[in-house]
């Protein structure tokens, strides 16, 4: 359970960073 949660949180951080980069670049 903990591993899945860590993986999902990592993916969320990755997606958030991606959107932030796109927002800042545009």
N, C-alpha and C. Protein backbone atom coordinates (compact mmCIF):
# COMPACT_ATOMS: atom_id res chain seq x y z
N UNK A 1 0.83 -1.20 0.00
CA UNK A 1 0.00 0.00 0.00
C UNK A 1 0.87 1.26 0.00
N UNK A 2 1.89 1.25 0.84
CA UNK A 2 2.76 2.43 0.93
C UNK A 2 3.49 2.69 -0.38
N UNK A 3 3.91 1.59 -1.03
CA UNK A 3 4.66 1.75 -2.28
C UNK A 3 3.79 2.38 -3.36
N UNK A 4 2.54 1.93 -3.43
CA UNK A 4 1.61 2.46 -4.43
C UNK A 4 1.36 3.94 -4.18
N UNK A 5 1.18 4.29 -2.91
CA UNK A 5 0.93 5.69 -2.56
C UNK A 5 2.12 6.56 -2.95
N UNK A 6 3.32 6.05 -2.70
CA UNK A 6 4.53 6.81 -3.03
C UNK A 6 4.64 7.00 -4.54
N UNK A 7 4.31 5.93 -5.27
CA UNK A 7 4.37 5.99 -6.74
C UNK A 7 3.37 7.00 -7.28
N UNK A 8 2.15 6.97 -6.75
CA UNK A 8 1.12 7.89 -7.24
C UNK A 8 1.48 9.33 -6.90
N UNK A 9 2.03 9.56 -5.71
CA UNK A 9 2.41 10.92 -5.32
C UNK A 9 3.55 11.41 -6.21
N UNK A 10 4.47 10.51 -6.55
CA UNK A 10 5.58 10.88 -7.43
C UNK A 10 5.05 11.25 -8.81
N UNK A 11 4.10 10.47 -9.31
CA UNK A 11 3.51 10.75 -10.62
C UNK A 11 2.77 12.08 -10.59
N UNK A 12 2.07 12.36 -9.48
CA UNK A 12 1.35 13.62 -9.34
C UNK A 12 2.31 14.79 -9.38
N UNK A 13 3.42 14.66 -8.64
CA UNK A 13 4.43 15.73 -8.62
C UNK A 13 4.99 15.95 -10.02
N UNK A 14 5.23 14.86 -10.75
CA UNK A 14 5.76 14.95 -12.11
C UNK A 14 4.78 15.70 -13.02
N UNK A 15 3.49 15.32 -12.93
CA UNK A 15 2.48 15.96 -13.77
C UNK A 15 2.33 17.43 -13.41
N UNK A 16 2.33 17.74 -12.11
CA UNK A 16 2.21 19.12 -11.67
C UNK A 16 3.37 19.95 -12.19
N UNK A 17 4.58 19.40 -12.10
CA UNK A 17 5.76 20.11 -12.59
C UNK A 17 5.67 20.35 -14.08
N UNK A 18 5.17 19.35 -14.81
CA UNK A 18 5.03 19.47 -16.26
C UNK A 18 4.07 20.61 -16.60
N UNK A 19 2.92 20.64 -15.94
CA UNK A 19 1.93 21.68 -16.19
C UNK A 19 2.48 23.05 -15.80
N UNK A 20 3.23 23.11 -14.70
CA UNK A 20 3.80 24.37 -14.25
C UNK A 20 4.78 24.89 -15.29
N UNK A 21 5.62 23.99 -15.82
CA UNK A 21 6.59 24.39 -16.85
C UNK A 21 5.87 24.92 -18.07
N UNK A 22 4.83 24.22 -18.51
CA UNK A 22 4.07 24.66 -19.69
C UNK A 22 3.43 26.02 -19.43
N UNK A 23 2.90 26.22 -18.24
CA UNK A 23 2.25 27.48 -17.89
C UNK A 23 3.25 28.63 -17.87
N UNK A 24 4.46 28.36 -17.33
CA UNK A 24 5.48 29.40 -17.24
C UNK A 24 6.06 29.73 -18.61
N UNK A 25 6.19 28.72 -19.46
CA UNK A 25 6.79 28.94 -20.78
C UNK A 25 5.83 29.65 -21.73
N UNK A 26 4.54 29.39 -21.57
CA UNK A 26 3.57 29.99 -22.50
C UNK A 26 3.38 31.48 -22.23
